[in-house]
Amino acid sequence: MSIREATADDWPAIWPFFHTIVAAGDTFTYPPGLGEEEGRDWWLLAAPNRTVVAVDEETGTVVGTAKMNNNQGGNGAHIASASYMTDPAHGGRGVGRALVEYSLEWARAAGFRGMQFNAVVETNVHAVRLYEWLGFRIVGTVPEGFRHPTRGYVGLHVMHRPL
């Protein structure tokens, strides 16, 4: 697997799994009915931020994607943030981990002092476990901050890791 900067030409490969994940409504705070054009505008970020794709080198298939950006502007711009999506058809193969590690390297190289995730759904146990394994800690939880489609109101973790 290789990770490279995403281009507008990658969107047709990203959209099917992006749409599936967002429409499920159980891991992202995006509106479940988010349309393709709006989703593209939200996901494909312009420099100095970055969007990347993970590509299966044997098939050329896009198997995951990540977007990386400042968590805040102004005096909070020294903390990075990122979001990740792995095509469910390629889950369990280390795509998510590779994308997180890539984003951490990007953030360090760009001079960020830490990385923060503002809204990790507490029921997304695989993501929480991965982030903790990679050095993130839960620094707070917004009680009932997320309306899960089957579990009702659940917490949203704020996770942080110094760089």
N, C-alpha and C. Protein backbone atom coordinates (compact mmCIF):
# COMPACT_ATOMS: atom_id res chain seq x y z
N MET A 1 0.85 -1.17 0.00
CA MET A 1 0.00 0.00 0.00
C MET A 1 0.89 1.23 0.00
N SER A 2 0.48 2.22 -0.77
CA SER A 2 1.17 3.50 -0.78
C SER A 2 0.17 4.59 -0.42
N ILE A 3 0.69 5.69 0.09
CA ILE A 3 -0.15 6.84 0.43
C ILE A 3 0.39 8.02 -0.35
N ARG A 4 -0.51 8.72 -1.02
CA ARG A 4 -0.13 9.87 -1.82
C ARG A 4 -1.19 10.95 -1.70
N GLU A 5 -0.81 12.16 -2.12
CA GLU A 5 -1.75 13.27 -2.10
C GLU A 5 -2.93 12.96 -3.02
N ALA A 6 -4.12 13.27 -2.55
CA ALA A 6 -5.33 13.06 -3.35
C ALA A 6 -5.47 14.18 -4.36
N THR A 7 -6.09 13.85 -5.48
CA THR A 7 -6.42 14.84 -6.50
C THR A 7 -7.92 14.77 -6.75
N ALA A 8 -8.43 15.73 -7.47
CA ALA A 8 -9.85 15.73 -7.83
C ALA A 8 -10.21 14.46 -8.60
N ASP A 9 -9.25 13.90 -9.33
CA ASP A 9 -9.50 12.67 -10.08
C ASP A 9 -9.71 11.46 -9.18
N ASP A 10 -9.33 11.55 -7.91
CA ASP A 10 -9.54 10.44 -6.96
C ASP A 10 -10.95 10.42 -6.38
N TRP A 11 -11.67 11.54 -6.47
CA TRP A 11 -12.98 11.62 -5.83
C TRP A 11 -13.93 10.51 -6.28
N PRO A 12 -14.02 10.16 -7.57
CA PRO A 12 -14.93 9.07 -7.95
C PRO A 12 -14.61 7.74 -7.25
N ALA A 13 -13.37 7.51 -6.87
CA ALA A 13 -13.01 6.30 -6.14
C ALA A 13 -13.29 6.43 -4.64
N ILE A 14 -13.20 7.65 -4.11
CA ILE A 14 -13.45 7.90 -2.69
C ILE A 14 -14.96 7.92 -2.41
N TRP A 15 -15.72 8.55 -3.28
CA TRP A 15 -17.14 8.81 -3.02
C TRP A 15 -17.94 7.57 -2.62
N PRO A 16 -17.81 6.43 -3.29
CA PRO A 16 -18.66 5.30 -2.90
C PRO A 16 -18.50 4.90 -1.43
N PHE A 17 -17.27 4.77 -0.93
CA PHE A 17 -17.13 4.38 0.48
C PHE A 17 -17.35 5.56 1.41
N PHE A 18 -16.99 6.77 0.99
CA PHE A 18 -17.31 7.97 1.77
C PHE A 18 -18.82 8.03 2.00
N HIS A 19 -19.57 7.87 0.93
CA HIS A 19 -21.04 7.93 1.01
C HIS A 19 -21.58 6.83 1.93
N THR A 20 -21.09 5.61 1.79
CA THR A 20 -21.54 4.49 2.62
C THR A 20 -21.29 4.78 4.10
N ILE A 21 -20.09 5.26 4.41
CA ILE A 21 -19.72 5.52 5.80
C ILE A 21 -20.55 6.67 6.38
N VAL A 22 -20.68 7.76 5.64
CA VAL A 22 -21.44 8.91 6.13
C VAL A 22 -22.92 8.56 6.26
N ALA A 23 -23.47 7.87 5.28
CA ALA A 23 -24.90 7.51 5.31
C ALA A 23 -25.23 6.58 6.48
N ALA A 24 -24.27 5.77 6.92
CA ALA A 24 -24.51 4.89 8.07
C ALA A 24 -24.78 5.71 9.33
N GLY A 25 -24.17 6.88 9.42
CA GLY A 25 -24.45 7.80 10.51
C GLY A 25 -23.94 7.38 11.88
N ASP A 26 -22.98 6.45 11.93
CA ASP A 26 -22.55 5.96 13.24
C ASP A 26 -21.12 6.32 13.65
N THR A 27 -20.39 7.03 12.76
CA THR A 27 -19.01 7.37 13.12
C THR A 27 -18.61 8.81 12.84
N PHE A 28 -19.31 9.51 11.96
CA PHE A 28 -18.97 10.88 11.62
C PHE A 28 -20.13 11.80 11.96
N THR A 29 -19.80 13.05 12.28
CA THR A 29 -20.84 14.03 12.60
C THR A 29 -21.38 14.69 11.34
N TYR A 30 -21.00 14.22 10.17
CA TYR A 30 -21.54 14.74 8.92
C TYR A 30 -23.01 14.37 8.81
N PRO A 31 -23.80 15.19 8.11
CA PRO A 31 -25.21 14.83 7.89
C PRO A 31 -25.29 13.54 7.07
N PRO A 32 -26.07 12.55 7.49
CA PRO A 32 -26.15 11.28 6.76
C PRO A 32 -26.57 11.43 5.30
N GLY A 33 -27.30 12.48 4.97
CA GLY A 33 -27.74 12.70 3.60
C GLY A 33 -26.81 13.59 2.79
N LEU A 34 -25.59 13.76 3.24
CA LEU A 34 -24.62 14.62 2.57
C LEU A 34 -24.47 14.21 1.11
N GLY A 35 -24.59 15.18 0.22
CA GLY A 35 -24.48 14.91 -1.21
C GLY A 35 -23.04 14.84 -1.68
N GLU A 36 -22.88 14.33 -2.89
CA GLU A 36 -21.55 14.11 -3.44
C GLU A 36 -20.73 15.40 -3.59
N GLU A 37 -21.33 16.44 -4.13
CA GLU A 37 -20.60 17.68 -4.35
C GLU A 37 -20.19 18.32 -3.02
N GLU A 38 -21.11 18.37 -2.08
CA GLU A 38 -20.80 18.95 -0.78
C GLU A 38 -19.77 18.10 -0.04
N GLY A 39 -19.91 16.78 -0.13
CA GLY A 39 -18.93 15.89 0.49
C GLY A 39 -17.53 16.12 -0.07
N ARG A 40 -17.44 16.26 -1.38
CA ARG A 40 -16.13 16.53 -2.01
C ARG A 40 -15.54 17.83 -1.48
N ASP A 41 -16.38 18.86 -1.38
CA ASP A 41 -15.89 20.15 -0.87
C ASP A 41 -15.42 20.05 0.58
N TRP A 42 -16.08 19.23 1.39
CA TRP A 42 -15.69 19.06 2.79
C TRP A 42 -14.44 18.20 2.94
N TRP A 43 -14.23 17.24 2.03
CA TRP A 43 -13.15 16.27 2.20
C TRP A 43 -11.86 16.65 1.49
N LEU A 44 -11.94 17.13 0.27
CA LEU A 44 -10.73 17.44 -0.49
C LEU A 44 -10.26 18.85 -0.13
N LEU A 45 -9.26 18.91 0.73
CA LEU A 45 -8.79 20.19 1.29
C LEU A 45 -7.68 20.80 0.45
N ALA A 46 -7.66 22.11 0.42
CA ALA A 46 -6.61 22.85 -0.28
C ALA A 46 -5.42 23.06 0.65
N ALA A 47 -4.24 23.23 0.06
CA ALA A 47 -3.03 23.53 0.81
C ALA A 47 -3.24 24.84 1.58
N PRO A 48 -2.68 24.96 2.78
CA PRO A 48 -1.64 24.11 3.34
C PRO A 48 -2.17 22.84 4.01
N ASN A 49 -3.49 22.69 4.05
CA ASN A 49 -4.05 21.44 4.56
C ASN A 49 -3.80 20.35 3.52
N ARG A 50 -4.24 19.14 3.82
CA ARG A 50 -3.87 18.05 2.91
C ARG A 50 -4.91 16.94 2.97
N THR A 51 -5.19 16.35 1.82
CA THR A 51 -6.00 15.14 1.73
C THR A 51 -5.17 14.12 0.97
N VAL A 52 -5.17 12.90 1.47
CA VAL A 52 -4.39 11.83 0.85
C VAL A 52 -5.28 10.62 0.60
N VAL A 53 -4.78 9.72 -0.24
CA VAL A 53 -5.43 8.44 -0.47
C VAL A 53 -4.42 7.33 -0.21
N ALA A 54 -4.93 6.22 0.31
CA ALA A 54 -4.15 5.00 0.43
C ALA A 54 -4.53 4.13 -0.76
N VAL A 55 -3.52 3.64 -1.47
CA VAL A 55 -3.75 2.91 -2.71
C VAL A 55 -3.11 1.53 -2.62
N ASP A 56 -3.89 0.51 -2.97
CA ASP A 56 -3.37 -0.85 -3.08
C ASP A 56 -2.43 -0.87 -4.28
N GLU A 57 -1.15 -1.13 -4.05
CA GLU A 57 -0.16 -1.04 -5.12
C GLU A 57 -0.36 -2.09 -6.20
N GLU A 58 -0.92 -3.24 -5.85
CA GLU A 58 -1.12 -4.30 -6.85
C GLU A 58 -2.26 -3.99 -7.80
N THR A 59 -3.34 -3.40 -7.27
CA THR A 59 -4.53 -3.18 -8.10
C THR A 59 -4.75 -1.73 -8.48
N GLY A 60 -4.07 -0.81 -7.79
CA GLY A 60 -4.30 0.61 -8.03
C GLY A 60 -5.59 1.13 -7.40
N THR A 61 -6.23 0.31 -6.57
CA THR A 61 -7.50 0.66 -5.95
C THR A 61 -7.29 1.58 -4.75
N VAL A 62 -8.10 2.64 -4.68
CA VAL A 62 -8.09 3.50 -3.50
C VAL A 62 -8.81 2.75 -2.38
N VAL A 63 -8.10 2.49 -1.28
CA VAL A 63 -8.66 1.70 -0.18
C VAL A 63 -8.93 2.52 1.08
N GLY A 64 -8.50 3.78 1.07
CA GLY A 64 -8.74 4.65 2.21
C GLY A 64 -8.32 6.06 1.89
N THR A 65 -8.68 6.97 2.79
CA THR A 65 -8.36 8.37 2.61
C THR A 65 -8.28 9.07 3.96
N ALA A 66 -7.56 10.16 3.98
CA ALA A 66 -7.46 10.98 5.20
C ALA A 66 -7.38 12.44 4.81
N LYS A 67 -7.92 13.28 5.68
CA LYS A 67 -7.72 14.72 5.51
C LYS A 67 -7.06 15.25 6.77
N MET A 68 -6.14 16.19 6.59
CA MET A 68 -5.33 16.73 7.68
C MET A 68 -5.36 18.24 7.63
N ASN A 69 -5.48 18.87 8.78
CA ASN A 69 -5.64 20.31 8.82
C ASN A 69 -5.33 20.86 10.20
N ASN A 70 -5.29 22.21 10.28
CA ASN A 70 -5.19 22.87 11.59
C ASN A 70 -6.47 22.54 12.35
N ASN A 71 -6.36 22.26 13.61
CA ASN A 71 -7.56 22.03 14.41
C ASN A 71 -8.33 23.32 14.62
N GLN A 72 -7.62 24.42 14.80
CA GLN A 72 -8.20 25.75 15.00
C GLN A 72 -7.34 26.75 14.23
N GLY A 73 -7.80 27.96 14.13
CA GLY A 73 -7.01 29.02 13.53
C GLY A 73 -6.32 29.86 14.58
N GLY A 74 -5.68 30.92 14.15
CA GLY A 74 -5.08 31.88 15.07
C GLY A 74 -4.15 31.25 16.08
N ASN A 75 -4.36 31.60 17.35
CA ASN A 75 -3.48 31.12 18.42
C ASN A 75 -3.64 29.65 18.74
N GLY A 76 -4.57 28.97 18.06
CA GLY A 76 -4.73 27.52 18.22
C GLY A 76 -4.25 26.74 17.01
N ALA A 77 -3.64 27.43 16.06
CA ALA A 77 -3.25 26.80 14.79
C ALA A 77 -2.05 25.88 14.89
N HIS A 78 -1.45 25.76 16.06
CA HIS A 78 -0.29 24.89 16.23
C HIS A 78 -0.68 23.45 16.56
N ILE A 79 -1.96 23.18 16.64
CA ILE A 79 -2.47 21.83 16.89
C ILE A 79 -3.15 21.34 15.61
N ALA A 80 -2.77 20.17 15.15
CA ALA A 80 -3.34 19.58 13.94
C ALA A 80 -4.57 18.77 14.27
N SER A 81 -5.31 18.42 13.25
CA SER A 81 -6.42 17.48 13.36
C SER A 81 -6.44 16.65 12.09
N ALA A 82 -7.19 15.57 12.11
CA ALA A 82 -7.29 14.72 10.93
C ALA A 82 -8.55 13.87 11.03
N SER A 83 -8.99 13.39 9.89
CA SER A 83 -10.11 12.45 9.80
C SER A 83 -9.72 11.36 8.82
N TYR A 84 -10.24 10.17 9.04
CA TYR A 84 -9.83 9.02 8.26
C TYR A 84 -11.05 8.20 7.83
N MET A 85 -10.96 7.64 6.63
CA MET A 85 -11.97 6.69 6.17
C MET A 85 -11.27 5.56 5.45
N THR A 86 -11.63 4.34 5.83
CA THR A 86 -11.16 3.15 5.14
C THR A 86 -12.34 2.52 4.43
N ASP A 87 -12.17 2.15 3.18
CA ASP A 87 -13.21 1.45 2.46
C ASP A 87 -13.54 0.18 3.25
N PRO A 88 -14.81 0.00 3.67
CA PRO A 88 -15.16 -1.19 4.45
C PRO A 88 -14.77 -2.50 3.79
N ALA A 89 -14.69 -2.52 2.47
CA ALA A 89 -14.27 -3.74 1.77
C ALA A 89 -12.80 -4.05 2.00
N HIS A 90 -12.06 -3.11 2.55
CA HIS A 90 -10.63 -3.30 2.79
C HIS A 90 -10.26 -3.12 4.25
N GLY A 91 -11.25 -3.22 5.13
CA GLY A 91 -11.00 -3.07 6.56
C GLY A 91 -10.18 -4.22 7.13
N GLY A 92 -9.53 -3.96 8.25
CA GLY A 92 -8.76 -4.99 8.94
C GLY A 92 -7.42 -5.30 8.29
N ARG A 93 -6.97 -4.45 7.38
CA ARG A 93 -5.71 -4.70 6.67
C ARG A 93 -4.64 -3.66 6.99
N GLY A 94 -4.88 -2.83 8.01
CA GLY A 94 -3.89 -1.84 8.41
C GLY A 94 -3.97 -0.52 7.68
N VAL A 95 -5.02 -0.32 6.89
CA VAL A 95 -5.16 0.93 6.14
C VAL A 95 -5.31 2.11 7.10
N GLY A 96 -6.22 1.99 8.06
CA GLY A 96 -6.44 3.07 9.02
C GLY A 96 -5.19 3.41 9.79
N ARG A 97 -4.51 2.41 10.27
CA ARG A 97 -3.28 2.64 11.03
C ARG A 97 -2.24 3.37 10.16
N ALA A 98 -2.08 2.93 8.92
CA ALA A 98 -1.12 3.58 8.03
C ALA A 98 -1.49 5.05 7.80
N LEU A 99 -2.77 5.33 7.65
CA LEU A 99 -3.21 6.71 7.45
C LEU A 99 -2.96 7.57 8.69
N VAL A 100 -3.23 7.03 9.88
CA VAL A 100 -2.97 7.78 11.11
C VAL A 100 -1.48 8.05 11.23
N GLU A 101 -0.66 7.04 11.02
CA GLU A 101 0.79 7.23 11.13
C GLU A 101 1.28 8.26 10.11
N TYR A 102 0.75 8.21 8.91
CA TYR A 102 1.11 9.19 7.89
C TYR A 102 0.75 10.59 8.34
N SER A 103 -0.46 10.76 8.89
CA SER A 103 -0.89 12.09 9.32
C SER A 103 -0.03 12.61 10.47
N LEU A 104 0.40 11.74 11.35
CA LEU A 104 1.28 12.16 12.44
C LEU A 104 2.62 12.64 11.90
N GLU A 105 3.16 11.93 10.90
CA GLU A 105 4.42 12.35 10.27
C GLU A 105 4.23 13.70 9.58
N TRP A 106 3.11 13.85 8.87
CA TRP A 106 2.82 15.12 8.20
C TRP A 106 2.77 16.25 9.21
N ALA A 107 2.07 16.04 10.32
CA ALA A 107 1.91 17.08 11.33
C ALA A 107 3.25 17.46 11.95
N ARG A 108 4.08 16.47 12.25
CA ARG A 108 5.40 16.76 12.81
C ARG A 108 6.22 17.59 11.83
N ALA A 109 6.25 17.14 10.57
CA ALA A 109 7.04 17.83 9.55
C ALA A 109 6.55 19.25 9.32
N ALA A 110 5.25 19.48 9.50
CA ALA A 110 4.67 20.80 9.31
C ALA A 110 4.83 21.69 10.54
N GLY A 111 5.41 21.16 11.62
CA GLY A 111 5.68 21.97 12.81
C GLY A 111 4.57 22.05 13.84
N PHE A 112 3.55 21.20 13.72
CA PHE A 112 2.50 21.18 14.73
C PHE A 112 3.05 20.63 16.04
N ARG A 113 2.47 21.06 17.15
CA ARG A 113 2.92 20.62 18.48
C ARG A 113 2.10 19.45 19.02
N GLY A 114 0.95 19.20 18.42
CA GLY A 114 0.10 18.10 18.85
C GLY A 114 -0.96 17.84 17.80
N MET A 115 -1.70 16.76 18.02
CA MET A 115 -2.84 16.45 17.16
C MET A 115 -4.04 16.20 18.06
N GLN A 116 -5.17 16.73 17.67
CA GLN A 116 -6.40 16.62 18.45
C GLN A 116 -7.54 16.18 17.54
N PHE A 117 -8.31 15.23 18.03
CA PHE A 117 -9.55 14.83 17.37
C PHE A 117 -10.69 15.36 18.23
N ASN A 118 -11.59 16.12 17.64
CA ASN A 118 -12.64 16.78 18.39
C ASN A 118 -13.88 15.93 18.62
N ALA A 119 -14.07 14.89 17.82
CA ALA A 119 -15.35 14.19 17.87
C ALA A 119 -15.19 12.72 17.49
N VAL A 120 -14.63 11.94 18.41
CA VAL A 120 -14.51 10.50 18.19
C VAL A 120 -15.68 9.83 18.92
N VAL A 121 -16.57 9.24 18.17
CA VAL A 121 -17.76 8.62 18.76
C VAL A 121 -17.32 7.47 19.67
N GLU A 122 -17.77 7.50 20.92
CA GLU A 122 -17.29 6.52 21.90
C GLU A 122 -17.62 5.08 21.52
N THR A 123 -18.66 4.87 20.72
CA THR A 123 -19.00 3.51 20.29
C THR A 123 -18.15 3.03 19.12
N ASN A 124 -17.33 3.89 18.57
CA ASN A 124 -16.41 3.51 17.49
C ASN A 124 -15.15 2.93 18.13
N VAL A 125 -15.32 1.77 18.75
CA VAL A 125 -14.28 1.20 19.61
C VAL A 125 -13.01 0.86 18.84
N HIS A 126 -13.12 0.48 17.58
CA HIS A 126 -11.91 0.16 16.81
C HIS A 126 -11.05 1.41 16.62
N ALA A 127 -11.69 2.54 16.31
CA ALA A 127 -10.94 3.78 16.15
C ALA A 127 -10.35 4.23 17.48
N VAL A 128 -11.14 4.19 18.54
CA VAL A 128 -10.63 4.61 19.86
C VAL A 128 -9.43 3.75 20.25
N ARG A 129 -9.53 2.45 20.06
CA ARG A 129 -8.44 1.54 20.41
C ARG A 129 -7.19 1.85 19.58
N LEU A 130 -7.36 2.06 18.27
CA LEU A 130 -6.22 2.39 17.41
C LEU A 130 -5.56 3.69 17.85
N TYR A 131 -6.36 4.71 18.07
CA TYR A 131 -5.80 6.00 18.45
C TYR A 131 -5.05 5.89 19.78
N GLU A 132 -5.62 5.19 20.74
CA GLU A 132 -4.93 5.02 22.02
C GLU A 132 -3.63 4.25 21.83
N TRP A 133 -3.64 3.23 21.01
CA TRP A 133 -2.44 2.43 20.76
C TRP A 133 -1.34 3.30 20.15
N LEU A 134 -1.75 4.32 19.37
CA LEU A 134 -0.79 5.21 18.71
C LEU A 134 -0.47 6.44 19.55
N GLY A 135 -0.86 6.44 20.83
CA GLY A 135 -0.42 7.47 21.75
C GLY A 135 -1.43 8.56 22.07
N PHE A 136 -2.62 8.49 21.51
CA PHE A 136 -3.66 9.47 21.83
C PHE A 136 -4.29 9.11 23.17
N ARG A 137 -4.76 10.13 23.86
CA ARG A 137 -5.47 9.93 25.12
C ARG A 137 -6.80 10.67 25.06
N ILE A 138 -7.78 10.11 25.70
CA ILE A 138 -9.07 10.80 25.82
C ILE A 138 -8.88 11.89 26.86
N VAL A 139 -9.08 13.14 26.46
CA VAL A 139 -8.91 14.25 27.39
C VAL A 139 -10.24 14.79 27.87
N GLY A 140 -11.31 14.28 27.30
CA GLY A 140 -12.65 14.68 27.71
C GLY A 140 -13.68 13.98 26.85
N THR A 141 -14.89 13.92 27.36
CA THR A 141 -16.00 13.32 26.62
C THR A 141 -17.21 14.22 26.77
N VAL A 142 -17.81 14.56 25.65
CA VAL A 142 -19.05 15.34 25.66
C VAL A 142 -20.19 14.33 25.85
N PRO A 143 -20.84 14.34 27.02
CA PRO A 143 -21.91 13.36 27.25
C PRO A 143 -23.04 13.55 26.24
N GLU A 144 -23.49 12.46 25.68
CA GLU A 144 -24.60 12.46 24.72
C GLU A 144 -24.37 13.45 23.58
N GLY A 145 -23.11 13.62 23.18
CA GLY A 145 -22.76 14.57 22.13
C GLY A 145 -23.01 14.07 20.72
N PHE A 146 -23.40 12.81 20.58
CA PHE A 146 -23.61 12.22 19.25
C PHE A 146 -24.89 11.39 19.27
N ARG A 147 -25.71 11.59 18.25
CA ARG A 147 -26.96 10.82 18.14
C ARG A 147 -26.71 9.63 17.22
N HIS A 148 -26.43 8.50 17.82
CA HIS A 148 -26.14 7.27 17.09
C HIS A 148 -27.44 6.69 16.56
N PRO A 149 -27.45 6.18 15.32
CA PRO A 149 -28.71 5.72 14.73
C PRO A 149 -29.35 4.52 15.42
N THR A 150 -28.58 3.71 16.14
CA THR A 150 -29.17 2.55 16.82
C THR A 150 -28.99 2.57 18.34
N ARG A 151 -27.99 3.30 18.83
CA ARG A 151 -27.71 3.30 20.27
C ARG A 151 -28.20 4.55 20.98
N GLY A 152 -28.79 5.47 20.22
CA GLY A 152 -29.27 6.70 20.83
C GLY A 152 -28.12 7.66 21.09
N TYR A 153 -28.27 8.48 22.12
CA TYR A 153 -27.27 9.49 22.42
C TYR A 153 -26.08 8.85 23.14
N VAL A 154 -24.89 9.03 22.55
CA VAL A 154 -23.65 8.49 23.12
C VAL A 154 -22.63 9.62 23.19
N GLY A 155 -21.56 9.37 23.89
CA GLY A 155 -20.53 10.39 24.08
C GLY A 155 -19.65 10.60 22.87
N LEU A 156 -19.09 11.81 22.80
CA LEU A 156 -18.07 12.16 21.80
C LEU A 156 -16.77 12.43 22.55
N HIS A 157 -15.76 11.64 22.26
CA HIS A 157 -14.46 11.84 22.89
C HIS A 157 -13.68 12.94 22.19
N VAL A 158 -12.97 13.72 22.98
CA VAL A 158 -11.93 14.60 22.47
C VAL A 158 -10.62 13.88 22.80
N MET A 159 -9.83 13.63 21.76
CA MET A 159 -8.58 12.88 21.95
C MET A 159 -7.40 13.75 21.52
N HIS A 160 -6.28 13.60 22.21
CA HIS A 160 -5.10 14.42 21.94
C HIS A 160 -3.85 13.59 22.08
N ARG A 161 -2.85 14.02 21.34
CA ARG A 161 -1.53 13.41 21.45
C ARG A 161 -0.49 14.48 21.16
N PRO A 162 0.50 14.62 22.02
CA PRO A 162 1.57 15.58 21.72
C PRO A 162 2.46 15.05 20.58
N LEU A 163 3.07 15.98 19.90
CA LEU A 163 4.03 15.60 18.86
C LEU A 163 5.41 16.03 19.29
